[in-house]
Each structure stands twice: as C-alpha cells, then as structure tokens.
Amino acid sequence: VQLQASGGGLVQPGGSLRLSCAASGSIFSVSSLGWYRQAPGKQRELVARITNTGSTNYADSMKGRFTISRDNAKKMVYLQMTSLKPEDTAVYYCNMYLGIDYWGKGTLVTVSS
C-alpha cells in the first residue's frame, strides 16, 4: 500500500484548499481513510475520517469547515478545507486503516497573510 498526498501550499486566512491523496493497493475500498495533521512542536492529530461505507467524523475544530470524501474507483481520498485559519498550518497526512495503519508522506499547508 502506498499513499501520496498532494495539494498543500500557502493560502491566506479565510481561504480554501483541497488536498488529495492517491492510494495503491487492493484494500482501498474496504478500508477506513483519514486525514491527520501535525503542527510544529505538536503531536499528530486527527482531522477527519471516512469509513468504507461513507460515514464520516471530524475533529471538533474542523466541523463545518472541512469535508472529507472518497472515490473508490479512483482510489482517492480528498479533504476540502474552507475558512482556513493560521492555526490550521501543519503537515497533513493521509491514512488508510484496515487492521494496520498505512501512512503517506505529508503535504504542507501554510495559512498566512
């Protein structure tokens, strides 16, 4: 299994960004998928998860601003981020879980004016 996140960059406060994660492997459609982030000097934290049936859950600070989605045919998972704040600055990682955690390399999101 390989995961490759992309779509990070510099965005102004209040702006939007869409992260994408391309996955390989035959277990994609039955796996739970997620986005996590790690800010400098902080522990990695959950941003959002989506199950194989499409159920989602979000960290409280992301509810209403971020949306996670998946495309099983393309083996892609997305994170649409809106109303971005400076405290959203972090490296964002995609995750696949099916009994074992799989991680990709992260993509840096910087929210700054």
Protein backbone atom coordinates (compact mmCIF):
# COMPACT_ATOMS: atom_id res chain seq x y z
CA VAL A 1 0.00 0.00 0.00
CA GLN A 2 1.27 3.45 -0.91
CA LEU A 3 -0.32 6.77 -0.18
CA GLN A 4 0.66 10.07 -1.76
CA ALA A 5 -0.82 13.32 -0.52
CA SER A 6 -0.81 16.47 -2.57
CA GLY A 7 -2.45 19.86 -2.80
CA GLY A 8 -0.79 21.69 0.05
CA GLY A 9 0.53 25.18 -0.24
CA LEU A 10 0.31 28.72 1.02
CA VAL A 11 -3.14 30.19 1.48
CA GLN A 12 -4.44 33.34 3.14
CA PRO A 13 -6.64 33.20 6.24
CA GLY A 14 -10.22 32.62 5.21
CA GLY A 15 -9.15 30.85 2.05
CA SER A 16 -9.77 27.34 0.82
CA LEU A 17 -7.63 24.44 -0.24
CA ARG A 18 -8.31 20.92 -1.43
CA LEU A 19 -5.98 18.11 -0.51
CA SER A 20 -5.86 14.88 -2.45
CA CYS A 21 -4.40 11.52 -1.60
CA ALA A 22 -3.77 8.83 -4.18
CA ALA A 23 -3.60 5.27 -2.93
CA SER A 24 -2.47 1.99 -4.31
CA GLY A 25 -3.41 -1.49 -3.20
CA SER A 26 -6.41 -3.73 -3.41
CA ILE A 27 -7.77 -2.96 0.06
CA PHE A 28 -8.72 0.65 -0.63
CA SER A 29 -12.46 0.17 -0.99
CA VAL A 30 -12.79 -1.76 2.26
CA SER A 31 -10.52 0.46 4.31
CA SER A 32 -11.20 3.36 6.59
CA LEU A 33 -9.46 6.50 5.39
CA GLY A 34 -8.41 9.58 7.22
CA TRP A 35 -6.56 12.83 7.28
CA TYR A 36 -4.31 13.78 10.17
CA ARG A 37 -2.12 16.77 10.71
CA GLN A 38 0.94 17.70 12.70
CA ALA A 39 1.83 21.26 13.51
CA PRO A 40 5.37 22.24 14.53
CA GLY A 41 6.07 21.16 18.08
CA LYS A 42 2.74 19.36 18.41
CA GLN A 43 1.55 15.80 18.22
CA ARG A 44 -0.18 14.42 15.18
CA GLU A 45 -3.94 14.82 15.48
CA LEU A 46 -7.00 13.55 13.70
CA VAL A 47 -8.61 15.88 11.21
CA ALA A 48 -11.29 13.65 9.69
CA ARG A 49 -12.07 10.05 8.89
CA ILE A 50 -14.38 8.29 6.47
CA THR A 51 -15.33 4.65 6.70
CA ASN A 52 -15.69 2.21 3.83
CA THR A 53 -19.45 2.84 3.97
CA GLY A 54 -19.05 6.61 3.78
CA SER A 55 -19.64 7.56 7.40
CA THR A 56 -17.56 10.50 8.46
CA ASN A 57 -16.31 12.03 11.65
CA TYR A 58 -14.37 15.22 12.26
CA ALA A 59 -12.33 16.78 14.97
CA ASP A 60 -14.40 19.45 16.68
CA SER A 61 -12.34 22.36 15.42
CA MET A 62 -12.78 21.21 11.80
CA LYS A 63 -16.53 20.58 11.85
CA GLY A 64 -18.32 22.77 9.38
CA ARG A 65 -15.10 23.88 7.71
CA PHE A 66 -13.55 20.68 6.38
CA THR A 67 -15.12 17.93 4.30
CA ILE A 68 -13.61 14.51 3.70
CA SER A 69 -14.66 12.41 0.73
CA ARG A 70 -13.50 9.36 -1.14
CA ASP A 71 -13.64 7.96 -4.64
CA ASN A 72 -13.17 4.21 -4.53
CA ALA A 73 -13.00 3.86 -8.31
CA LYS A 74 -10.06 6.25 -8.46
CA LYS A 75 -8.60 5.17 -5.12
CA MET A 76 -8.56 8.76 -3.96
CA VAL A 77 -9.42 10.50 -0.73
CA TYR A 78 -9.94 14.23 -0.53
CA LEU A 79 -10.04 16.91 2.12
CA GLN A 80 -11.81 20.12 1.20
CA MET A 81 -10.77 22.84 3.62
CA THR A 82 -12.53 26.18 3.87
CA SER A 83 -12.35 29.18 6.19
CA LEU A 84 -8.75 28.34 6.89
CA LYS A 85 -7.08 29.80 9.94
CA PRO A 86 -3.42 30.29 10.80
CA GLU A 87 -3.75 27.54 13.38
CA ASP A 88 -4.56 25.12 10.56
CA THR A 89 -0.94 25.40 9.46
CA ALA A 90 0.53 21.91 9.60
CA VAL A 91 1.75 18.98 7.60
CA TYR A 92 -1.29 16.97 6.56
CA TYR A 93 -1.07 13.20 6.22
CA CYS A 94 -3.47 10.74 4.71
CA ASN A 95 -4.06 7.44 6.42
CA MET A 96 -5.55 4.12 5.47
CA TYR A 97 -6.60 1.65 8.12
CA LEU A 98 -7.59 -1.98 7.82
CA GLY A 99 -6.24 -3.60 10.93
CA ILE A 100 -2.96 -1.86 10.24
CA ASP A 101 -2.23 1.81 9.77
CA TYR A 102 -0.73 2.92 6.50
CA TRP A 103 0.71 6.41 6.16
CA GLY A 104 1.79 8.50 3.27
CA LYS A 105 4.20 11.39 3.17
CA GLY A 106 2.53 14.58 4.20
CA THR A 107 1.78 17.77 2.39
CA LEU A 108 2.43 21.13 3.99
CA VAL A 109 -0.39 23.61 4.41
CA THR A 110 0.57 27.11 5.47
CA VAL A 111 -2.14 29.61 6.33
CA SER A 112 -0.67 33.07 6.49
CA SER A 113 -1.20 36.56 5.18
